[in-house]
Amino acid sequence: MSRPDVVVYDYGSGNVHSAAKALEAAGAAVELTGDRARAREAAGLVVPGVGAFSAVIDALRASRGDEVIDRRLAGGRPVLGICVGMQVLFDRGVERGSDSEGLGEWPGRIERLDADVLPHMGWNTVDAPEESVLFDGLHDERFYFVHSYAAKDWTLDVVPPFPQPRVTWAQHGGRFIAAVENGPLSATQFHPEKSGQAGIQLLRNWIGTL
């Protein structure tokens, strides 16, 4: 069988090499590049991100990655955000006194977790809906998180006949969003590329939708 081509968008923020290796192990033909044309054309686009929300969104916009994401989603072409690459898909990020505008694909704010111990670092379980594609066969697995901020509410109101997004939750201090599957746009707060075989299988599930 052919290996779907996936671009890991290299815009200067994220564990791009780890993500590329994990995607290759999951069955994709991976290209690590900041070339916008390739990012628009690939069967799948992965947008990683680490660090502060404001720095990631600034770097993404400076590379015109926001335009790439918009163009792909307008054409129904799959995009997967990872960690802060998920966070910037929301309206805003409020972090250490900085209030930054996100990409606005989903309503909501990224805020500090309500936990005594931060960052939330290590393995944790998630509560995925039964109909999840990303978590097919993975409902009892743990995934690797490294973050202090997250989206704590889901407020997107989808009107039928459009399908409802599949939202996965996790707990650290309080409840927060661990993953979203919303048509061609998916994202995880945890790092699949650091989550061992469970993470590889999740990426394999996503690749299977391309």
Foldseek 3Di string as FASTA:
>chain_A
DAAFEEEEAPLPFAPSVLVQVLLVVLRHNYDYYNDLVCQLPGQEYEYEGDDDLVVSQVSCVVSPVLVSVVNCVVVLRAYEYEASRVQLCEQWEQDPNDIGGGSHVFYFYKDFDQAPDPDPFAKFAKQWDPPDLLCVVPNPAIFTAHGGIATQDHDDDDDPPQDDKTWMWTDHNHIGTQKIGHRRYIYGNTDLSPGPPSSSSSSSSVSVVD
